PDB file of N, CA and C in Angstrom:
ATOM      1  N   MET A   1     -20.793 -17.838 -17.977  1.00  0.00           N
ATOM      2  CA  MET A   1     -20.356 -18.627 -16.839  1.00  0.00           C
ATOM      3  C   MET A   1     -21.290 -18.359 -15.659  1.00  0.00           C
ATOM      4  N   GLY A   2     -21.543 -19.375 -14.889  1.00  0.00           N
ATOM      5  CA  GLY A   2     -22.404 -19.235 -13.725  1.00  0.00           C
ATOM      6  C   GLY A   2     -21.587 -19.089 -12.449  1.00  0.00           C
ATOM      7  N   ARG A   3     -22.314 -18.848 -11.381  1.00  0.00           N
ATOM      8  CA  ARG A   3     -21.680 -18.739 -10.063  1.00  0.00           C
ATOM      9  C   ARG A   3     -21.600 -20.130  -9.451  1.00  0.00           C
ATOM     10  N   VAL A   4     -20.477 -20.432  -8.799  1.00  0.00           N
ATOM     11  CA  VAL A   4     -20.315 -21.702  -8.116  1.00  0.00           C
ATOM     12  C   VAL A   4     -20.289 -21.435  -6.624  1.00  0.00           C
ATOM     13  N   LEU A   5     -21.226 -22.049  -5.897  1.00  0.00           N
ATOM     14  CA  LEU A   5     -21.299 -21.913  -4.446  1.00  0.00           C
ATOM     15  C   LEU A   5     -21.108 -23.286  -3.818  1.00  0.00           C
ATOM     16  N   THR A   6     -20.506 -23.323  -2.641  1.00  0.00           N
ATOM     17  CA  THR A   6     -20.307 -24.575  -1.922  1.00  0.00           C
ATOM     18  C   THR A   6     -20.327 -24.301  -0.427  1.00  0.00           C
ATOM     19  N   GLU A   7     -20.492 -25.344   0.351  1.00  0.00           N
ATOM     20  CA  GLU A   7     -20.378 -25.198   1.795  1.00  0.00           C
ATOM     21  C   GLU A   7     -18.897 -25.269   2.146  1.00  0.00           C
ATOM     22  N   ALA A   8     -18.437 -24.368   2.989  1.00  0.00           N
ATOM     23  CA  ALA A   8     -17.020 -24.332   3.380  1.00  0.00           C
ATOM     24  C   ALA A   8     -16.926 -24.161   4.894  1.00  0.00           C
ATOM     25  N   THR A   9     -16.022 -24.906   5.503  1.00  0.00           N
ATOM     26  CA  THR A   9     -15.739 -24.745   6.923  1.00  0.00           C
ATOM     27  C   THR A   9     -14.345 -24.160   7.056  1.00  0.00           C
ATOM     28  N   ILE A  10     -14.242 -23.050   7.784  1.00  0.00           N
ATOM     29  CA  ILE A  10     -12.969 -22.368   8.002  1.00  0.00           C
ATOM     30  C   ILE A  10     -12.630 -22.498   9.467  1.00  0.00           C
ATOM     31  N   GLU A  11     -11.431 -22.959   9.763  1.00  0.00           N
ATOM     32  CA  GLU A  11     -11.002 -23.190  11.142  1.00  0.00           C
ATOM     33  C   GLU A  11      -9.758 -22.376  11.450  1.00  0.00           C
ATOM     34  N   SER A  12      -9.591 -22.052  12.713  1.00  0.00           N
ATOM     35  CA  SER A  12      -8.392 -21.347  13.160  1.00  0.00           C
ATOM     36  C   SER A  12      -7.244 -22.350  13.247  1.00  0.00           C
ATOM     37  N   LEU A  13      -6.220 -22.156  12.426  1.00  0.00           N
ATOM     38  CA  LEU A  13      -5.071 -23.058  12.429  1.00  0.00           C
ATOM     39  C   LEU A  13      -4.360 -23.027  13.783  1.00  0.00           C
ATOM     40  N   GLU A  14      -4.286 -21.847  14.367  1.00  0.00           N
ATOM     41  CA  GLU A  14      -3.662 -21.724  15.682  1.00  0.00           C
ATOM     42  C   GLU A  14      -4.390 -22.591  16.717  1.00  0.00           C
ATOM     43  N   ASP A  15      -5.727 -22.571  16.680  1.00  0.00           N
ATOM     44  CA  ASP A  15      -6.516 -23.391  17.599  1.00  0.00           C
ATOM     45  C   ASP A  15      -6.327 -24.882  17.312  1.00  0.00           C
ATOM     46  N   LEU A  16      -6.265 -25.247  16.029  1.00  0.00           N
ATOM     47  CA  LEU A  16      -6.074 -26.654  15.679  1.00  0.00           C
ATOM     48  C   LEU A  16      -4.746 -27.179  16.232  1.00  0.00           C
ATOM     49  N   TRP A  17      -3.689 -26.359  16.122  1.00  0.00           N
ATOM     50  CA  TRP A  17      -2.383 -26.766  16.665  1.00  0.00           C
ATOM     51  C   TRP A  17      -2.435 -26.865  18.187  1.00  0.00           C
ATOM     52  N   ALA A  18      -3.130 -25.940  18.829  1.00  0.00           N
ATOM     53  CA  ALA A  18      -3.252 -25.978  20.294  1.00  0.00           C
ATOM     54  C   ALA A  18      -4.004 -27.238  20.725  1.00  0.00           C
ATOM     55  N   ALA A  19      -5.037 -27.600  19.987  1.00  0.00           N
ATOM     56  CA  ALA A  19      -5.795 -28.809  20.308  1.00  0.00           C
ATOM     57  C   ALA A  19      -4.944 -30.060  20.088  1.00  0.00           C
ATOM     58  N   LYS A  20      -4.158 -30.060  19.029  1.00  0.00           N
ATOM     59  CA  LYS A  20      -3.288 -31.204  18.756  1.00  0.00           C
ATOM     60  C   LYS A  20      -2.257 -31.392  19.860  1.00  0.00           C
ATOM     61  N   ARG A  21      -1.774 -30.293  20.430  1.00  0.00           N
ATOM     62  CA  ARG A  21      -0.795 -30.362  21.532  1.00  0.00           C
ATOM     63  C   ARG A  21      -1.459 -30.580  22.894  1.00  0.00           C
ATOM     64  N   GLY A  22      -2.784 -30.645  22.912  1.00  0.00           N
ATOM     65  CA  GLY A  22      -3.495 -30.876  24.155  1.00  0.00           C
ATOM     66  C   GLY A  22      -3.677 -29.641  25.008  1.00  0.00           C
ATOM     67  N   LEU A  23      -3.456 -28.466  24.445  1.00  0.00           N
ATOM     68  CA  LEU A  23      -3.573 -27.212  25.205  1.00  0.00           C
ATOM     69  C   LEU A  23      -5.021 -26.749  25.336  1.00  0.00           C
ATOM     70  N   ILE A  24      -5.847 -27.126  24.360  1.00  0.00           N
ATOM     71  CA  ILE A  24      -7.285 -26.818  24.430  1.00  0.00           C
ATOM     72  C   ILE A  24      -8.047 -28.053  23.965  1.00  0.00           C
ATOM     73  N   PRO A  25      -9.277 -28.237  24.431  1.00  0.00           N
ATOM     74  CA  PRO A  25     -10.077 -29.348  23.924  1.00  0.00           C
ATOM     75  C   PRO A  25     -10.439 -29.138  22.454  1.00  0.00           C
ATOM     76  N   ALA A  26     -10.569 -30.221  21.708  1.00  0.00           N
ATOM     77  CA  ALA A  26     -10.899 -30.126  20.286  1.00  0.00           C
ATOM     78  C   ALA A  26     -12.198 -29.366  20.058  1.00  0.00           C
ATOM     79  N   GLY A  27     -13.128 -29.447  20.996  1.00  0.00           N
ATOM     80  CA  GLY A  27     -14.397 -28.754  20.863  1.00  0.00           C
ATOM     81  C   GLY A  27     -14.284 -27.248  20.991  1.00  0.00           C
ATOM     82  N   GLN A  28     -13.137 -26.743  21.419  1.00  0.00           N
ATOM     83  CA  GLN A  28     -12.942 -25.292  21.560  1.00  0.00           C
ATOM     84  C   GLN A  28     -12.251 -24.662  20.351  1.00  0.00           C
ATOM     85  N   VAL A  29     -11.940 -25.459  19.340  1.00  0.00           N
ATOM     86  CA  VAL A  29     -11.350 -24.912  18.118  1.00  0.00           C
ATOM     87  C   VAL A  29     -12.380 -24.004  17.457  1.00  0.00           C
ATOM     88  N   ARG A  30     -11.982 -22.760  17.185  1.00  0.00           N
ATOM     89  CA  ARG A  30     -12.907 -21.820  16.541  1.00  0.00           C
ATOM     90  C   ARG A  30     -13.042 -22.171  15.076  1.00  0.00           C
ATOM     91  N   ARG A  31     -14.304 -22.301  14.650  1.00  0.00           N
ATOM     92  CA  ARG A  31     -14.594 -22.631  13.248  1.00  0.00           C
ATOM     93  C   ARG A  31     -15.905 -22.003  12.842  1.00  0.00           C
ATOM     94  N   VAL A  32     -16.017 -21.738  11.550  1.00  0.00           N
ATOM     95  CA  VAL A  32     -17.232 -21.159  10.974  1.00  0.00           C
ATOM     96  C   VAL A  32     -17.565 -21.962   9.727  1.00  0.00           C
ATOM     97  N   THR A  33     -18.825 -22.364   9.594  1.00  0.00           N
ATOM     98  CA  THR A  33     -19.283 -23.035   8.377  1.00  0.00           C
ATOM     99  C   THR A  33     -20.139 -22.043   7.588  1.00  0.00           C
ATOM    100  N   ILE A  34     -19.767 -21.859   6.342  1.00  0.00           N
ATOM    101  CA  ILE A  34     -20.488 -20.948   5.453  1.00  0.00           C
ATOM    102  C   ILE A  34     -21.235 -21.817   4.451  1.00  0.00           C
ATOM    103  N   ALA A  35     -22.549 -21.738   4.471  1.00  0.00           N
ATOM    104  CA  ALA A  35     -23.384 -22.606   3.637  1.00  0.00           C
ATOM    105  C   ALA A  35     -23.268 -22.300   2.151  1.00  0.00           C
ATOM    106  N   ASP A  36     -23.015 -21.030   1.815  1.00  0.00           N
ATOM    107  CA  ASP A  36     -23.007 -20.646   0.404  1.00  0.00           C
ATOM    108  C   ASP A  36     -21.763 -19.829   0.054  1.00  0.00           C
ATOM    109  N   ALA A  37     -20.595 -20.414   0.282  1.00  0.00           N
ATOM    110  CA  ALA A  37     -19.329 -19.731  -0.029  1.00  0.00           C
ATOM    111  C   ALA A  37     -19.139 -19.675  -1.543  1.00  0.00           C
ATOM    112  N   LEU A  38     -18.777 -18.504  -2.038  1.00  0.00           N
ATOM    113  CA  LEU A  38     -18.543 -18.316  -3.471  1.00  0.00           C
ATOM    114  C   LEU A  38     -17.161 -18.851  -3.843  1.00  0.00           C
ATOM    115  N   VAL A  39     -17.102 -19.692  -4.854  1.00  0.00           N
ATOM    116  CA  VAL A  39     -15.847 -20.251  -5.341  1.00  0.00           C
ATOM    117  C   VAL A  39     -15.335 -19.365  -6.466  1.00  0.00           C
ATOM    118  N   ASP A  40     -14.123 -18.846  -6.311  1.00  0.00           N
ATOM    119  CA  ASP A  40     -13.484 -18.039  -7.359  1.00  0.00           C
ATOM    120  C   ASP A  40     -12.251 -18.817  -7.815  1.00  0.00           C
ATOM    121  N   THR A  41     -12.355 -19.485  -8.936  1.00  0.00           N
ATOM    122  CA  THR A  41     -11.276 -20.365  -9.392  1.00  0.00           C
ATOM    123  C   THR A  41     -10.025 -19.595  -9.804  1.00  0.00           C
ATOM    124  N   GLY A  42     -10.131 -18.289  -9.983  1.00  0.00           N
ATOM    125  CA  GLY A  42      -8.966 -17.494 -10.356  1.00  0.00           C
ATOM    126  C   GLY A  42      -8.343 -16.756  -9.183  1.00  0.00           C
ATOM    127  N   ALA A  43      -8.865 -16.944  -7.991  1.00  0.00           N
ATOM    128  CA  ALA A  43      -8.373 -16.210  -6.819  1.00  0.00           C
ATOM    129  C   ALA A  43      -6.984 -16.703  -6.395  1.00  0.00           C
ATOM    130  N   THR A  44      -6.167 -15.755  -5.947  1.00  0.00           N
ATOM    131  CA  THR A  44      -4.840 -16.106  -5.441  1.00  0.00           C
ATOM    132  C   THR A  44      -4.705 -15.770  -3.958  1.00  0.00           C
ATOM    133  N   LEU A  45      -5.684 -15.087  -3.387  1.00  0.00           N
ATOM    134  CA  LEU A  45      -5.692 -14.748  -1.972  1.00  0.00           C
ATOM    135  C   LEU A  45      -7.038 -15.135  -1.378  1.00  0.00           C
ATOM    136  N   ARG A  46      -7.090 -15.193  -0.057  1.00  0.00           N
ATOM    137  CA  ARG A  46      -8.355 -15.458   0.638  1.00  0.00           C
ATOM    138  C   ARG A  46      -8.901 -14.141   1.166  1.00  0.00           C
ATOM    139  N   SER A  47     -10.203 -14.001   1.131  1.00  0.00           N
ATOM    140  CA  SER A  47     -10.848 -12.804   1.636  1.00  0.00           C
ATOM    141  C   SER A  47     -12.034 -13.210   2.487  1.00  0.00           C
ATOM    142  N   LEU A  48     -12.135 -12.594   3.663  1.00  0.00           N
ATOM    143  CA  LEU A  48     -13.238 -12.879   4.586  1.00  0.00           C
ATOM    144  C   LEU A  48     -13.792 -11.574   5.132  1.00  0.00           C
ATOM    145  N   PRO A  49     -15.065 -11.554   5.470  1.00  0.00           N
ATOM    146  CA  PRO A  49     -15.620 -10.382   6.144  1.00  0.00           C
ATOM    147  C   PRO A  49     -14.948 -10.193   7.511  1.00  0.00           C
ATOM    148  N   THR A  50     -14.863  -8.944   7.938  1.00  0.00           N
ATOM    149  CA  THR A  50     -14.205  -8.602   9.198  1.00  0.00           C
ATOM    150  C   THR A  50     -14.763  -9.386  10.386  1.00  0.00           C
ATOM    151  N   GLY A  51     -16.091  -9.543  10.426  1.00  0.00           N
ATOM    152  CA  GLY A  51     -16.705 -10.256  11.542  1.00  0.00           C
ATOM    153  C   GLY A  51     -16.215 -11.689  11.678  1.00  0.00           C
ATOM    154  N   LEU A  52     -16.042 -12.374  10.546  1.00  0.00           N
ATOM    155  CA  LEU A  52     -15.547 -13.754  10.580  1.00  0.00           C
ATOM    156  C   LEU A  52     -14.091 -13.805  11.006  1.00  0.00           C
ATOM    157  N   ILE A  53     -13.307 -12.838  10.564  1.00  0.00           N
ATOM    158  CA  ILE A  53     -11.898 -12.779  10.950  1.00  0.00           C
ATOM    159  C   ILE A  53     -11.783 -12.681  12.470  1.00  0.00           C
ATOM    160  N   HIS A  54     -12.571 -11.804  13.073  1.00  0.00           N
ATOM    161  CA  HIS A  54     -12.533 -11.633  14.525  1.00  0.00           C
ATOM    162  C   HIS A  54     -13.055 -12.863  15.253  1.00  0.00           C
ATOM    163  N   ARG A  55     -14.126 -13.469  14.737  1.00  0.00           N
ATOM    164  CA  ARG A  55     -14.704 -14.654  15.361  1.00  0.00           C
ATOM    165  C   ARG A  55     -13.718 -15.817  15.389  1.00  0.00           C
ATOM    166  N   LEU A  56     -12.883 -15.915  14.362  1.00  0.00           N
ATOM    167  CA  LEU A  56     -11.911 -16.997  14.271  1.00  0.00           C
ATOM    168  C   LEU A  56     -10.578 -16.656  14.939  1.00  0.00           C
ATOM    169  N   GLY A  57     -10.427 -15.404  15.369  1.00  0.00           N
ATOM    170  CA  GLY A  57      -9.172 -14.994  16.002  1.00  0.00           C
ATOM    171  C   GLY A  57      -8.021 -14.892  15.028  1.00  0.00           C
ATOM    172  N   LEU A  58      -8.325 -14.590  13.776  1.00  0.00           N
ATOM    173  CA  LEU A  58      -7.297 -14.489  12.744  1.00  0.00           C
ATOM    174  C   LEU A  58      -6.718 -13.086  12.702  1.00  0.00           C
ATOM    175  N   ALA A  59      -5.561 -12.956  12.049  1.00  0.00           N
ATOM    176  CA  ALA A  59      -4.905 -11.654  11.921  1.00  0.00           C
ATOM    177  C   ALA A  59      -5.255 -11.032  10.568  1.00  0.00           C
ATOM    178  N   GLU A  60      -5.624  -9.751  10.581  1.00  0.00           N
ATOM    179  CA  GLU A  60      -5.880  -9.025   9.339  1.00  0.00           C
ATOM    180  C   GLU A  60      -4.549  -8.644   8.719  1.00  0.00           C
ATOM    181  N   ARG A  61      -4.426  -8.821   7.418  1.00  0.00           N
ATOM    182  CA  ARG A  61      -3.168  -8.500   6.728  1.00  0.00           C
ATOM    183  C   ARG A  61      -3.288  -7.286   5.833  1.00  0.00           C
ATOM    184  N   SER A  62      -4.348  -7.211   5.059  1.00  0.00           N
ATOM    185  CA  SER A  62      -4.552  -6.098   4.127  1.00  0.00           C
ATOM    186  C   SER A  62      -6.026  -5.757   4.110  1.00  0.00           C
ATOM    187  N   ILE A  63      -6.322  -4.501   3.857  1.00  0.00           N
ATOM    188  CA  ILE A  63      -7.706  -4.062   3.789  1.00  0.00           C
ATOM    189  C   ILE A  63      -8.002  -3.611   2.377  1.00  0.00           C
ATOM    190  N   THR A  64      -9.105  -4.099   1.818  1.00  0.00           N
ATOM    191  CA  THR A  64      -9.549  -3.689   0.484  1.00  0.00           C
ATOM    192  C   THR A  64     -10.994  -3.237   0.590  1.00  0.00           C
ATOM    193  N   PRO A  65     -11.499  -2.547  -0.411  1.00  0.00           N
ATOM    194  CA  PRO A  65     -12.908  -2.140  -0.358  1.00  0.00           C
ATOM    195  C   PRO A  65     -13.859  -3.336  -0.245  1.00  0.00           C
ATOM    196  N   ALA A  66     -13.461  -4.499  -0.769  1.00  0.00           N
ATOM    197  CA  ALA A  66     -14.328  -5.682  -0.746  1.00  0.00           C
ATOM    198  C   ALA A  66     -14.270  -6.433   0.578  1.00  0.00           C
ATOM    199  N   GLY A  67     -13.268  -6.167   1.389  1.00  0.00           N
ATOM    200  CA  GLY A  67     -13.136  -6.900   2.658  1.00  0.00           C
ATOM    201  C   GLY A  67     -11.687  -7.000   3.075  1.00  0.00           C
ATOM    202  N   LYS A  68     -11.398  -7.910   3.949  1.00  0.00           N
ATOM    203  CA  LYS A  68     -10.056  -8.113   4.448  1.00  0.00           C
ATOM    204  C   LYS A  68      -9.391  -9.231   3.684  1.00  0.00           C
ATOM    205  N   ILE A  69      -8.094  -9.139   3.525  1.00  0.00           N
ATOM    206  CA  ILE A  69      -7.321 -10.175   2.848  1.00  0.00           C
ATOM    207  C   ILE A  69      -6.460 -10.878   3.881  1.00  0.00           C
ATOM    208  N   LEU A  70      -6.469 -12.204   3.859  1.00  0.00           N
ATOM    209  CA  LEU A  70      -5.636 -13.003   4.744  1.00  0.00           C
ATOM    210  C   LEU A  70      -4.538 -13.642   3.942  1.00  0.00           C
ATOM    211  N   ARG A  71      -3.350 -13.669   4.479  1.00  0.00           N
ATOM    212  CA  ARG A  71      -2.240 -14.339   3.797  1.00  0.00           C
ATOM    213  C   ARG A  71      -1.724 -15.454   4.628  1.00  0.00           C
TER     214      ARG A  71
END
């Protein structure tokens, strides 16, 4: 089996809701585009590097040797 990579954009859901309610401009929604995101078809959780979690203003839920887990 080979590796599957794709471009993925991750956005802060909290920011998206704030923009929808008119509390922040749509251009201020925190988002990150990853050009070569690894697709794991068997994954049941999301995992992001700590730096991206902080940049998006997300909450850390669990810590593993491979990175942070978001639920």
